[in-house]
Amino acid sequence: MFKFTQNHPLHDSHASHYIVNHQKRIPNFVGATLPRCDLGDRNYYCSTMLTLFKPWRKGHDLKPNESESWDECFNSHNFTSQQEKLMKNFNIKYECLDARDDYRAQLKKGANKFFIGSWELLQEEDAEEISSGNIVPDPNIEYDDLPYDPNANGKNHILHLKNLSMVRMIMENLGWTNPQKTTPINGPNIFKPDLILSGPQW
């Protein structure tokens, strides 16, 4: 344990604990998310990374030369290979979000359905419509003006069939309709304890 210096406001209540490399820990960042390195305020990103990885006691230790920008100070600091790896990992979340946005943009442009994930066929707005039953019927059809036919499908039934078609398409894409080989399942041997007692006896 490493206590703060005597003049530090947390000297009497807090201390730092050094975790050796073989002890695995997952940090839980409290507050705002970490900035990304490729977009946004570059100075904010550089100052945040220096705060995390550069030893300091005062803000002046992070950027001793006031005429120097945070970007210049960041580039001049010698980060370890482990620290550089961590900074790259910090940005993975944003890379995943960018990939998700690009993927959805391709879906909206009409990408080949064979390259679309099975559950992506059902977009968020479609799922909401199906769950609430608010799918709008074909505006080109005047249902009220159609002649009555007892064998024809009504408006609600047409919507129901559309919902079923969507679910069927998802299940087929998942492979649920493909025949599967079934193998007999041998049940485990039943264990019988040597001593059987009631609750109060235990």
N, C-alpha and C. Protein backbone atom coordinates (compact mmCIF):
# COMPACT_ATOMS: atom_id res chain seq x y z
N MET A 1 0.84 -1.19 0.00
CA MET A 1 0.00 0.00 0.00
C MET A 1 0.88 1.24 0.00
N PHE A 2 0.47 2.23 -0.75
CA PHE A 2 1.23 3.47 -0.85
C PHE A 2 0.31 4.63 -0.44
N LYS A 3 0.66 5.28 0.63
CA LYS A 3 -0.14 6.40 1.11
C LYS A 3 0.20 7.66 0.33
N PHE A 4 -0.76 8.57 0.30
CA PHE A 4 -0.51 9.85 -0.34
C PHE A 4 0.44 10.68 0.54
N THR A 5 0.97 11.71 -0.05
CA THR A 5 1.88 12.58 0.70
C THR A 5 1.12 13.27 1.84
N GLN A 6 1.89 13.81 2.76
CA GLN A 6 1.32 14.37 3.98
C GLN A 6 0.33 15.50 3.69
N ASN A 7 0.61 16.28 2.68
CA ASN A 7 -0.25 17.43 2.37
C ASN A 7 -1.44 17.07 1.48
N HIS A 8 -1.52 15.83 1.06
CA HIS A 8 -2.62 15.44 0.18
C HIS A 8 -3.92 15.35 0.98
N PRO A 9 -5.05 15.83 0.43
CA PRO A 9 -6.32 15.81 1.19
C PRO A 9 -6.81 14.40 1.51
N LEU A 10 -6.34 13.39 0.79
CA LEU A 10 -6.77 12.01 1.05
C LEU A 10 -5.72 11.21 1.81
N HIS A 11 -4.76 11.90 2.40
CA HIS A 11 -3.66 11.21 3.08
C HIS A 11 -4.16 10.31 4.21
N ASP A 12 -5.14 10.75 4.97
CA ASP A 12 -5.61 10.00 6.14
C ASP A 12 -6.69 8.98 5.81
N SER A 13 -7.26 9.03 4.63
CA SER A 13 -8.40 8.16 4.33
C SER A 13 -8.18 7.20 3.17
N HIS A 14 -7.22 7.48 2.29
CA HIS A 14 -7.05 6.66 1.10
C HIS A 14 -5.59 6.27 0.92
N ALA A 15 -5.39 5.23 0.12
CA ALA A 15 -4.04 4.78 -0.23
C ALA A 15 -4.10 4.07 -1.57
N SER A 16 -2.97 3.94 -2.20
CA SER A 16 -2.87 3.25 -3.49
C SER A 16 -2.35 1.84 -3.27
N HIS A 17 -2.92 0.90 -4.02
CA HIS A 17 -2.50 -0.50 -3.91
C HIS A 17 -1.91 -0.94 -5.23
N TYR A 18 -0.70 -1.46 -5.19
CA TYR A 18 -0.02 -1.90 -6.40
C TYR A 18 -0.44 -3.33 -6.73
N ILE A 19 -0.92 -3.53 -7.94
CA ILE A 19 -1.34 -4.86 -8.40
C ILE A 19 -0.27 -5.40 -9.33
N VAL A 20 0.31 -6.53 -8.99
CA VAL A 20 1.35 -7.12 -9.83
C VAL A 20 0.73 -7.67 -11.10
N ASN A 21 1.57 -7.93 -12.09
CA ASN A 21 1.08 -8.28 -13.43
C ASN A 21 0.28 -9.58 -13.45
N HIS A 22 0.63 -10.53 -12.58
CA HIS A 22 -0.06 -11.82 -12.66
C HIS A 22 -1.44 -11.79 -11.99
N GLN A 23 -1.78 -10.70 -11.34
CA GLN A 23 -3.11 -10.55 -10.76
C GLN A 23 -4.01 -9.82 -11.75
N LYS A 24 -4.98 -10.53 -12.29
CA LYS A 24 -5.84 -9.96 -13.32
C LYS A 24 -6.95 -9.13 -12.69
N ARG A 25 -7.13 -7.94 -13.22
CA ARG A 25 -8.19 -7.06 -12.75
C ARG A 25 -8.86 -6.39 -13.95
N ILE A 26 -10.12 -6.09 -13.80
CA ILE A 26 -10.86 -5.36 -14.83
C ILE A 26 -11.21 -4.00 -14.26
N PRO A 27 -10.66 -2.93 -14.82
CA PRO A 27 -10.97 -1.60 -14.27
C PRO A 27 -12.40 -1.18 -14.58
N ASN A 28 -13.01 -0.52 -13.63
CA ASN A 28 -14.36 -0.01 -13.80
C ASN A 28 -14.29 1.52 -13.79
N PHE A 29 -14.33 2.11 -14.97
CA PHE A 29 -14.23 3.56 -15.07
C PHE A 29 -15.56 4.20 -14.67
N VAL A 30 -15.50 5.11 -13.73
CA VAL A 30 -16.68 5.79 -13.23
C VAL A 30 -16.74 7.18 -13.85
N GLY A 31 -17.90 7.54 -14.36
CA GLY A 31 -18.05 8.85 -14.97
C GLY A 31 -18.21 8.75 -16.47
N ALA A 32 -17.72 9.76 -17.16
CA ALA A 32 -17.85 9.81 -18.62
C ALA A 32 -16.96 8.75 -19.27
N THR A 33 -17.28 8.41 -20.53
CA THR A 33 -16.48 7.43 -21.26
C THR A 33 -15.15 8.04 -21.68
N LEU A 34 -14.19 7.16 -21.95
CA LEU A 34 -12.88 7.63 -22.39
C LEU A 34 -12.99 8.24 -23.79
N PRO A 35 -12.24 9.29 -24.07
CA PRO A 35 -12.29 9.89 -25.41
C PRO A 35 -11.64 8.98 -26.43
N ARG A 36 -12.00 9.17 -27.69
CA ARG A 36 -11.42 8.37 -28.76
C ARG A 36 -10.27 9.13 -29.40
N CYS A 37 -9.32 8.38 -29.96
CA CYS A 37 -8.09 9.00 -30.45
C CYS A 37 -8.23 9.57 -31.85
N ASP A 38 -9.21 9.10 -32.62
CA ASP A 38 -9.29 9.49 -34.02
C ASP A 38 -10.31 10.60 -34.28
N LEU A 39 -11.20 10.86 -33.34
CA LEU A 39 -12.21 11.90 -33.52
C LEU A 39 -12.36 12.70 -32.23
N GLY A 40 -12.95 13.86 -32.35
CA GLY A 40 -13.20 14.67 -31.17
C GLY A 40 -12.04 15.60 -30.83
N ASP A 41 -12.03 16.06 -29.59
CA ASP A 41 -11.04 17.02 -29.11
C ASP A 41 -9.71 16.32 -28.88
N ARG A 42 -8.73 16.63 -29.71
CA ARG A 42 -7.42 15.99 -29.60
C ARG A 42 -6.72 16.35 -28.28
N ASN A 43 -6.82 17.60 -27.88
CA ASN A 43 -6.19 18.02 -26.64
C ASN A 43 -6.78 17.30 -25.43
N TYR A 44 -8.09 17.10 -25.46
CA TYR A 44 -8.74 16.39 -24.35
C TYR A 44 -8.27 14.94 -24.29
N TYR A 45 -8.15 14.31 -25.46
CA TYR A 45 -7.68 12.92 -25.50
C TYR A 45 -6.26 12.82 -24.96
N CYS A 46 -5.37 13.70 -25.42
CA CYS A 46 -3.96 13.65 -25.00
C CYS A 46 -3.82 13.90 -23.51
N SER A 47 -4.55 14.87 -22.99
CA SER A 47 -4.45 15.16 -21.56
C SER A 47 -5.00 14.00 -20.72
N THR A 48 -6.04 13.32 -21.22
CA THR A 48 -6.60 12.18 -20.49
C THR A 48 -5.62 11.03 -20.44
N MET A 49 -4.99 10.70 -21.58
CA MET A 49 -4.04 9.59 -21.62
C MET A 49 -2.80 9.89 -20.78
N LEU A 50 -2.34 11.13 -20.81
CA LEU A 50 -1.19 11.50 -19.98
C LEU A 50 -1.55 11.41 -18.50
N THR A 51 -2.77 11.77 -18.16
CA THR A 51 -3.20 11.67 -16.76
C THR A 51 -3.20 10.23 -16.29
N LEU A 52 -3.55 9.31 -17.18
CA LEU A 52 -3.61 7.89 -16.82
C LEU A 52 -2.24 7.25 -16.75
N PHE A 53 -1.33 7.63 -17.62
CA PHE A 53 -0.09 6.87 -17.79
C PHE A 53 1.19 7.62 -17.44
N LYS A 54 1.15 8.91 -17.28
CA LYS A 54 2.36 9.66 -16.96
C LYS A 54 2.38 9.97 -15.46
N PRO A 55 3.46 9.62 -14.77
CA PRO A 55 3.53 9.94 -13.33
C PRO A 55 3.43 11.45 -13.09
N TRP A 56 2.61 11.83 -12.14
CA TRP A 56 2.45 13.25 -11.84
C TRP A 56 1.89 13.44 -10.44
N ARG A 57 2.20 14.58 -9.87
CA ARG A 57 1.63 14.99 -8.59
C ARG A 57 0.83 16.28 -8.74
N LYS A 58 1.23 17.10 -9.67
CA LYS A 58 0.54 18.34 -9.96
C LYS A 58 0.27 18.40 -11.46
N GLY A 59 -0.71 19.21 -11.82
CA GLY A 59 -1.02 19.34 -13.24
C GLY A 59 0.16 19.83 -14.05
N HIS A 60 1.02 20.60 -13.43
CA HIS A 60 2.20 21.12 -14.12
C HIS A 60 3.15 19.99 -14.53
N ASP A 61 3.11 18.86 -13.80
CA ASP A 61 3.96 17.72 -14.14
C ASP A 61 3.55 17.09 -15.47
N LEU A 62 2.28 17.19 -15.80
CA LEU A 62 1.80 16.60 -17.05
C LEU A 62 2.24 17.43 -18.25
N LYS A 63 2.24 18.72 -18.12
CA LYS A 63 2.63 19.61 -19.22
C LYS A 63 3.50 20.72 -18.65
N PRO A 64 4.80 20.43 -18.44
CA PRO A 64 5.67 21.42 -17.79
C PRO A 64 5.88 22.68 -18.62
N ASN A 65 5.84 22.53 -19.94
CA ASN A 65 6.04 23.68 -20.82
C ASN A 65 4.68 24.23 -21.23
N GLU A 66 4.32 25.39 -20.72
CA GLU A 66 2.99 25.94 -21.00
C GLU A 66 2.81 26.32 -22.47
N SER A 67 3.90 26.62 -23.16
CA SER A 67 3.80 26.97 -24.57
C SER A 67 3.61 25.74 -25.46
N GLU A 68 3.76 24.58 -24.87
CA GLU A 68 3.62 23.33 -25.62
C GLU A 68 2.16 22.87 -25.57
N SER A 69 1.66 22.37 -26.69
CA SER A 69 0.28 21.88 -26.73
C SER A 69 0.22 20.49 -26.10
N TRP A 70 -0.99 20.07 -25.77
CA TRP A 70 -1.17 18.74 -25.21
C TRP A 70 -0.77 17.67 -26.21
N ASP A 71 -1.01 17.91 -27.48
CA ASP A 71 -0.63 16.96 -28.51
C ASP A 71 0.89 16.81 -28.58
N GLU A 72 1.61 17.91 -28.51
CA GLU A 72 3.07 17.86 -28.54
C GLU A 72 3.61 17.17 -27.29
N CYS A 73 3.00 17.45 -26.17
CA CYS A 73 3.42 16.80 -24.92
C CYS A 73 3.14 15.30 -24.97
N PHE A 74 2.01 14.93 -25.56
CA PHE A 74 1.66 13.51 -25.70
C PHE A 74 2.65 12.79 -26.60
N ASN A 75 3.00 13.41 -27.73
CA ASN A 75 3.92 12.78 -28.68
C ASN A 75 5.34 12.69 -28.14
N SER A 76 5.72 13.60 -27.27
CA SER A 76 7.08 13.59 -26.74
C SER A 76 7.25 12.63 -25.56
N HIS A 77 6.13 12.18 -24.98
CA HIS A 77 6.23 11.27 -23.84
C HIS A 77 6.50 9.84 -24.33
N ASN A 78 7.35 9.12 -23.61
CA ASN A 78 7.68 7.75 -23.97
C ASN A 78 6.75 6.79 -23.23
N PHE A 79 5.73 6.34 -23.93
CA PHE A 79 4.82 5.35 -23.37
C PHE A 79 5.43 3.96 -23.50
N THR A 80 5.15 3.10 -22.55
CA THR A 80 5.60 1.72 -22.65
C THR A 80 4.75 0.97 -23.66
N SER A 81 5.25 -0.19 -24.08
CA SER A 81 4.49 -1.00 -25.04
C SER A 81 3.15 -1.44 -24.46
N GLN A 82 3.13 -1.72 -23.16
CA GLN A 82 1.88 -2.11 -22.51
C GLN A 82 0.89 -0.96 -22.49
N GLN A 83 1.38 0.24 -22.24
CA GLN A 83 0.50 1.41 -22.24
C GLN A 83 -0.05 1.70 -23.63
N GLU A 84 0.78 1.54 -24.65
CA GLU A 84 0.31 1.73 -26.02
C GLU A 84 -0.74 0.69 -26.39
N LYS A 85 -0.56 -0.53 -25.91
CA LYS A 85 -1.55 -1.58 -26.15
C LYS A 85 -2.88 -1.24 -25.48
N LEU A 86 -2.81 -0.73 -24.27
CA LEU A 86 -4.03 -0.35 -23.56
C LEU A 86 -4.76 0.78 -24.28
N MET A 87 -4.02 1.75 -24.78
CA MET A 87 -4.66 2.87 -25.49
C MET A 87 -5.34 2.39 -26.76
N LYS A 88 -4.74 1.42 -27.44
CA LYS A 88 -5.39 0.85 -28.63
C LYS A 88 -6.66 0.11 -28.24
N ASN A 89 -6.59 -0.60 -27.12
CA ASN A 89 -7.78 -1.33 -26.66
C ASN A 89 -8.90 -0.38 -26.25
N PHE A 90 -8.53 0.79 -25.73
CA PHE A 90 -9.56 1.77 -25.36
C PHE A 90 -10.42 2.15 -26.56
N ASN A 91 -9.82 2.12 -27.74
CA ASN A 91 -10.53 2.60 -28.94
C ASN A 91 -11.33 1.50 -29.62
N ILE A 92 -11.21 0.26 -29.15
CA ILE A 92 -11.92 -0.85 -29.80
C ILE A 92 -13.43 -0.65 -29.74
N LYS A 93 -13.91 -0.13 -28.62
CA LYS A 93 -15.35 0.09 -28.49
C LYS A 93 -15.87 0.99 -29.60
N TYR A 94 -15.15 2.08 -29.88
CA TYR A 94 -15.59 3.02 -30.91
C TYR A 94 -15.47 2.39 -32.30
N GLU A 95 -14.45 1.55 -32.51
CA GLU A 95 -14.32 0.87 -33.79
C GLU A 95 -15.49 -0.08 -34.01
N CYS A 96 -15.92 -0.74 -32.95
CA CYS A 96 -17.08 -1.64 -33.06
C CYS A 96 -18.35 -0.85 -33.36
N LEU A 97 -18.51 0.29 -32.72
CA LEU A 97 -19.69 1.12 -32.98
C LEU A 97 -19.69 1.63 -34.41
N ASP A 98 -18.51 2.00 -34.93
CA ASP A 98 -18.42 2.46 -36.31
C ASP A 98 -18.77 1.33 -37.28
N ALA A 99 -18.27 0.12 -36.98
CA ALA A 99 -18.58 -1.03 -37.83
C ALA A 99 -20.07 -1.33 -37.82
N ARG A 100 -20.70 -1.21 -36.65
CA ARG A 100 -22.14 -1.44 -36.57
C ARG A 100 -22.91 -0.43 -37.40
N ASP A 101 -22.49 0.85 -37.33
CA ASP A 101 -23.17 1.88 -38.10
C ASP A 101 -22.99 1.66 -39.60
N ASP A 102 -21.78 1.26 -40.01
CA ASP A 102 -21.54 0.97 -41.43
C ASP A 102 -22.38 -0.21 -41.89
N TYR A 103 -22.51 -1.21 -41.02
CA TYR A 103 -23.28 -2.40 -41.36
C TYR A 103 -24.75 -2.05 -41.55
N ARG A 104 -25.28 -1.23 -40.67
CA ARG A 104 -26.69 -0.83 -40.80
C ARG A 104 -26.90 0.04 -42.03
N ALA A 105 -25.89 0.85 -42.36
CA ALA A 105 -26.01 1.67 -43.57
C ALA A 105 -26.06 0.79 -44.81
N GLN A 106 -25.30 -0.31 -44.81
CA GLN A 106 -25.34 -1.24 -45.94
C GLN A 106 -26.69 -1.92 -46.03
N LEU A 107 -27.28 -2.24 -44.88
CA LEU A 107 -28.59 -2.87 -44.89
C LEU A 107 -29.64 -1.94 -45.50
N LYS A 108 -29.57 -0.66 -45.15
CA LYS A 108 -30.53 0.29 -45.68
C LYS A 108 -30.37 0.50 -47.18
N LYS A 109 -29.14 0.28 -47.67
CA LYS A 109 -28.90 0.43 -49.10
C LYS A 109 -29.29 -0.81 -49.89
N GLY A 110 -29.71 -1.86 -49.17
CA GLY A 110 -30.15 -3.07 -49.86
C GLY A 110 -29.05 -4.05 -50.11
N ALA A 111 -28.23 -4.32 -49.10
CA ALA A 111 -27.15 -5.27 -49.25
C ALA A 111 -27.71 -6.67 -49.47
N ASN A 112 -26.89 -7.56 -50.01
CA ASN A 112 -27.29 -8.93 -50.27
C ASN A 112 -27.74 -9.59 -48.97
N LYS A 113 -28.91 -10.18 -48.97
CA LYS A 113 -29.45 -10.73 -47.73
C LYS A 113 -28.64 -11.90 -47.21
N PHE A 114 -27.84 -12.55 -48.09
CA PHE A 114 -27.04 -13.67 -47.63
C PHE A 114 -25.88 -13.22 -46.76
N PHE A 115 -25.55 -11.94 -46.81
CA PHE A 115 -24.48 -11.41 -45.98
C PHE A 115 -25.03 -10.69 -44.75
N ILE A 116 -26.32 -10.76 -44.55
CA ILE A 116 -26.96 -10.08 -43.44
C ILE A 116 -27.15 -11.07 -42.29
N GLY A 117 -26.84 -10.65 -41.08
CA GLY A 117 -27.04 -11.49 -39.92
C GLY A 117 -28.50 -11.89 -39.78
N SER A 118 -28.72 -13.06 -39.21
CA SER A 118 -30.07 -13.59 -39.16
C SER A 118 -31.03 -12.67 -38.42
N TRP A 119 -30.61 -12.12 -37.29
CA TRP A 119 -31.50 -11.26 -36.53
C TRP A 119 -31.53 -9.85 -37.06
N GLU A 120 -30.56 -9.50 -37.94
CA GLU A 120 -30.57 -8.16 -38.50
C GLU A 120 -31.68 -7.98 -39.52
N LEU A 121 -32.25 -9.10 -39.97
CA LEU A 121 -33.36 -8.99 -40.91
C LEU A 121 -34.53 -8.27 -40.27
N LEU A 122 -34.61 -8.37 -38.98
CA LEU A 122 -35.68 -7.72 -38.25
C LEU A 122 -35.13 -6.46 -37.61
N GLN A 123 -35.32 -5.33 -38.26
CA GLN A 123 -34.81 -4.07 -37.75
C GLN A 123 -35.58 -3.66 -36.51
N GLU A 124 -35.03 -2.70 -35.78
CA GLU A 124 -35.65 -2.27 -34.53
C GLU A 124 -37.06 -1.74 -34.77
N GLU A 125 -37.21 -0.94 -35.82
CA GLU A 125 -38.53 -0.39 -36.06
C GLU A 125 -39.52 -1.47 -36.48
N ASP A 126 -39.02 -2.51 -37.20
CA ASP A 126 -39.89 -3.62 -37.58
C ASP A 126 -40.32 -4.41 -36.36
N ALA A 127 -39.37 -4.65 -35.44
CA ALA A 127 -39.69 -5.41 -34.24
C ALA A 127 -40.74 -4.69 -33.41
N GLU A 128 -40.62 -3.38 -33.34
CA GLU A 128 -41.60 -2.61 -32.56
C GLU A 128 -42.97 -2.68 -33.21
N GLU A 129 -43.00 -2.64 -34.54
CA GLU A 129 -44.28 -2.71 -35.22
C GLU A 129 -44.94 -4.06 -35.03
N ILE A 130 -44.12 -5.13 -35.12
CA ILE A 130 -44.68 -6.47 -35.00
C ILE A 130 -45.19 -6.70 -33.58
N SER A 131 -44.40 -6.25 -32.58
CA SER A 131 -44.82 -6.48 -31.20
C SER A 131 -46.08 -5.70 -30.85
N SER A 132 -46.24 -4.54 -31.44
CA SER A 132 -47.40 -3.71 -31.12
C SER A 132 -48.55 -3.90 -32.09
N GLY A 133 -48.29 -4.62 -33.20
CA GLY A 133 -49.34 -4.83 -34.18
C GLY A 133 -49.70 -3.59 -34.96
N ASN A 134 -48.74 -2.66 -35.10
CA ASN A 134 -49.02 -1.40 -35.77
C ASN A 134 -48.49 -1.35 -37.20
N ILE A 135 -48.31 -2.51 -37.82
CA ILE A 135 -47.84 -2.51 -39.20
C ILE A 135 -48.91 -1.89 -40.09
N VAL A 136 -48.52 -0.93 -40.87
CA VAL A 136 -49.47 -0.20 -41.71
C VAL A 136 -49.74 -1.02 -42.96
N PRO A 137 -50.98 -1.26 -43.30
CA PRO A 137 -51.29 -2.03 -44.50
C PRO A 137 -50.92 -1.26 -45.76
N ASP A 138 -50.96 -1.97 -46.87
CA ASP A 138 -50.58 -1.38 -48.15
C ASP A 138 -51.48 -0.17 -48.44
N PRO A 139 -50.90 1.04 -48.58
CA PRO A 139 -51.74 2.22 -48.81
C PRO A 139 -52.40 2.23 -50.18
N ASN A 140 -51.90 1.38 -51.09
CA ASN A 140 -52.47 1.35 -52.44
C ASN A 140 -53.75 0.52 -52.51
N ILE A 141 -54.07 -0.16 -51.41
CA ILE A 141 -55.27 -1.00 -51.41
C ILE A 141 -56.34 -0.33 -50.55
N GLU A 142 -57.50 -0.10 -51.12
CA GLU A 142 -58.63 0.44 -50.37
C GLU A 142 -59.45 -0.73 -49.83
N TYR A 143 -59.12 -1.14 -48.59
CA TYR A 143 -59.75 -2.33 -48.04
C TYR A 143 -61.27 -2.15 -47.90
N ASP A 144 -61.69 -0.94 -47.51
CA ASP A 144 -63.12 -0.72 -47.28
C ASP A 144 -63.92 -0.78 -48.58
N ASP A 145 -63.27 -0.50 -49.71
CA ASP A 145 -63.97 -0.49 -50.98
C ASP A 145 -63.99 -1.85 -51.66
N LEU A 146 -63.28 -2.83 -51.09
CA LEU A 146 -63.26 -4.14 -51.72
C LEU A 146 -64.59 -4.85 -51.50
N PRO A 147 -65.06 -5.58 -52.49
CA PRO A 147 -66.30 -6.33 -52.32
C PRO A 147 -66.12 -7.42 -51.28
N TYR A 148 -67.19 -7.72 -50.57
CA TYR A 148 -67.12 -8.71 -49.51
C TYR A 148 -66.93 -10.10 -50.11
N ASP A 149 -65.94 -10.81 -49.59
CA ASP A 149 -65.66 -12.17 -50.03
C ASP A 149 -65.38 -12.99 -48.79
N PRO A 150 -66.26 -13.94 -48.43
CA PRO A 150 -66.04 -14.71 -47.20
C PRO A 150 -64.77 -15.53 -47.22
N ASN A 151 -64.24 -15.83 -48.42
CA ASN A 151 -63.02 -16.64 -48.52
C ASN A 151 -61.75 -15.77 -48.57
N ALA A 152 -61.92 -14.45 -48.65
CA ALA A 152 -60.75 -13.57 -48.74
C ALA A 152 -60.23 -13.24 -47.34
N ASN A 153 -58.96 -12.86 -47.29
CA ASN A 153 -58.33 -12.50 -46.02
C ASN A 153 -58.69 -11.06 -45.65
N GLY A 154 -59.06 -10.85 -44.39
CA GLY A 154 -59.34 -9.51 -43.93
C GLY A 154 -58.06 -8.73 -43.64
N LYS A 155 -58.25 -7.45 -43.29
CA LYS A 155 -57.10 -6.59 -43.06
C LYS A 155 -56.23 -7.10 -41.91
N ASN A 156 -56.87 -7.47 -40.80
CA ASN A 156 -56.11 -7.96 -39.65
C ASN A 156 -55.40 -9.27 -39.96
N HIS A 157 -56.08 -10.11 -40.74
CA HIS A 157 -55.46 -11.39 -41.09
C HIS A 157 -54.26 -11.18 -42.02
N ILE A 158 -54.37 -10.20 -42.90
CA ILE A 158 -53.24 -9.89 -43.78
C ILE A 158 -52.03 -9.43 -42.96
N LEU A 159 -52.28 -8.61 -41.95
CA LEU A 159 -51.19 -8.17 -41.08
C LEU A 159 -50.61 -9.34 -40.30
N HIS A 160 -51.48 -10.25 -39.87
CA HIS A 160 -51.01 -11.43 -39.14
C HIS A 160 -50.14 -12.30 -40.04
N LEU A 161 -50.54 -12.49 -41.28
CA LEU A 161 -49.74 -13.28 -42.21
C LEU A 161 -48.39 -12.62 -42.49
N LYS A 162 -48.39 -11.30 -42.52
CA LYS A 162 -47.13 -10.60 -42.74
C LYS A 162 -46.18 -10.81 -41.57
N ASN A 163 -46.74 -10.78 -40.36
CA ASN A 163 -45.91 -11.05 -39.18
C ASN A 163 -45.35 -12.46 -39.21
N LEU A 164 -46.20 -13.42 -39.55
CA LEU A 164 -45.75 -14.81 -39.62
C LEU A 164 -44.68 -14.99 -40.68
N SER A 165 -44.83 -14.31 -41.79
CA SER A 165 -43.83 -14.40 -42.85
C SER A 165 -42.48 -13.87 -42.38
N MET A 166 -42.49 -12.79 -41.62
CA MET A 166 -41.25 -12.23 -41.10
C MET A 166 -40.58 -13.20 -40.13
N VAL A 167 -41.38 -13.80 -39.23
CA VAL A 167 -40.83 -14.76 -38.28
C VAL A 167 -40.30 -15.99 -38.99
N ARG A 168 -41.03 -16.46 -40.01
CA ARG A 168 -40.60 -17.63 -40.75
C ARG A 168 -39.27 -17.37 -41.46
N MET A 169 -39.12 -16.17 -42.01
CA MET A 169 -37.88 -15.82 -42.70
C MET A 169 -36.70 -15.83 -41.73
N ILE A 170 -36.93 -15.33 -40.51
CA ILE A 170 -35.86 -15.32 -39.51
C ILE A 170 -35.48 -16.74 -39.13
N MET A 171 -36.48 -17.60 -38.90
CA MET A 171 -36.21 -18.97 -38.49
C MET A 171 -35.50 -19.75 -39.59
N GLU A 172 -35.88 -19.52 -40.84
CA GLU A 172 -35.20 -20.19 -41.94
C GLU A 172 -33.76 -19.72 -42.05
N ASN A 173 -33.53 -18.44 -41.80
CA ASN A 173 -32.18 -17.91 -41.87
C ASN A 173 -31.31 -18.46 -40.75
N LEU A 174 -31.94 -18.77 -39.61
CA LEU A 174 -31.21 -19.36 -38.49
C LEU A 174 -30.96 -20.85 -38.67
N GLY A 175 -31.64 -21.46 -39.63
CA GLY A 175 -31.47 -22.88 -39.86
C GLY A 175 -32.36 -23.76 -39.00
N TRP A 176 -33.38 -23.15 -38.38
CA TRP A 176 -34.26 -23.93 -37.52
C TRP A 176 -35.15 -24.89 -38.31
N THR A 177 -35.34 -24.61 -39.58
CA THR A 177 -36.21 -25.47 -40.38
C THR A 177 -35.44 -26.59 -41.06
N ASN A 178 -34.11 -26.59 -40.95
CA ASN A 178 -33.31 -27.64 -41.56
C ASN A 178 -33.42 -28.92 -40.74
N PRO A 179 -33.53 -30.08 -41.40
CA PRO A 179 -33.60 -31.34 -40.64
C PRO A 179 -32.30 -31.58 -39.88
N GLN A 180 -32.43 -32.00 -38.65
CA GLN A 180 -31.28 -32.26 -37.80
C GLN A 180 -31.24 -33.74 -37.45
N LYS A 181 -30.01 -34.25 -37.35
CA LYS A 181 -29.84 -35.64 -36.94
C LYS A 181 -30.06 -35.73 -35.44
N THR A 182 -30.91 -36.66 -35.05
CA THR A 182 -31.19 -36.84 -33.63
C THR A 182 -30.44 -38.06 -33.12
N THR A 183 -29.85 -37.94 -31.98
CA THR A 183 -29.13 -39.05 -31.36
C THR A 183 -29.74 -39.31 -29.99
N PRO A 184 -29.84 -40.58 -29.61
CA PRO A 184 -30.43 -40.88 -28.30
C PRO A 184 -29.56 -40.31 -27.18
N ILE A 185 -30.22 -39.82 -26.18
CA ILE A 185 -29.52 -39.24 -25.03
C ILE A 185 -29.57 -40.23 -23.88
N ASN A 186 -28.40 -40.62 -23.43
CA ASN A 186 -28.32 -41.53 -22.30
C ASN A 186 -28.32 -40.73 -21.01
N GLY A 187 -29.30 -40.98 -20.18
CA GLY A 187 -29.41 -40.23 -18.94
C GLY A 187 -28.29 -40.58 -17.97
N PRO A 188 -27.91 -39.66 -17.12
CA PRO A 188 -26.83 -39.93 -16.15
C PRO A 188 -27.28 -40.94 -15.10
N ASN A 189 -26.30 -41.62 -14.56
CA ASN A 189 -26.61 -42.58 -13.50
C ASN A 189 -27.17 -41.85 -12.28
N ILE A 190 -28.23 -42.37 -11.74
CA ILE A 190 -28.86 -41.74 -10.59
C ILE A 190 -28.04 -42.02 -9.34
N PHE A 191 -27.66 -40.97 -8.67
CA PHE A 191 -26.86 -41.11 -7.44
C PHE A 191 -27.78 -41.27 -6.24
N LYS A 192 -27.49 -42.28 -5.45
CA LYS A 192 -28.26 -42.52 -4.24
C LYS A 192 -27.32 -42.38 -3.04
N PRO A 193 -27.60 -41.44 -2.15
CA PRO A 193 -26.72 -41.26 -0.99
C PRO A 193 -26.79 -42.46 -0.04
N ASP A 194 -25.68 -42.68 0.64
CA ASP A 194 -25.64 -43.79 1.60
C ASP A 194 -26.47 -43.50 2.85
N LEU A 195 -26.58 -42.24 3.18
CA LEU A 195 -27.30 -41.86 4.39
C LEU A 195 -28.43 -40.92 4.03
N ILE A 196 -29.65 -41.29 4.40
CA ILE A 196 -30.82 -40.48 4.11
C ILE A 196 -31.44 -40.04 5.43
N LEU A 197 -31.47 -38.74 5.64
CA LEU A 197 -32.04 -38.19 6.87
C LEU A 197 -33.01 -37.07 6.52
N SER A 198 -33.91 -36.80 7.45
CA SER A 198 -34.84 -35.69 7.27
C SER A 198 -34.13 -34.38 7.59
N GLY A 199 -34.81 -33.28 7.31
CA GLY A 199 -34.21 -31.98 7.57
C GLY A 199 -33.81 -31.77 9.03
N PRO A 200 -34.71 -32.00 9.99
CA PRO A 200 -34.32 -31.81 11.40
C PRO A 200 -33.20 -32.74 11.84
N GLN A 201 -33.14 -33.97 11.27
CA GLN A 201 -32.09 -34.91 11.65
C GLN A 201 -30.71 -34.44 11.19
N TRP A 202 -30.66 -33.77 10.04
CA TRP A 202 -29.37 -33.24 9.59
C TRP A 202 -28.91 -32.15 10.53
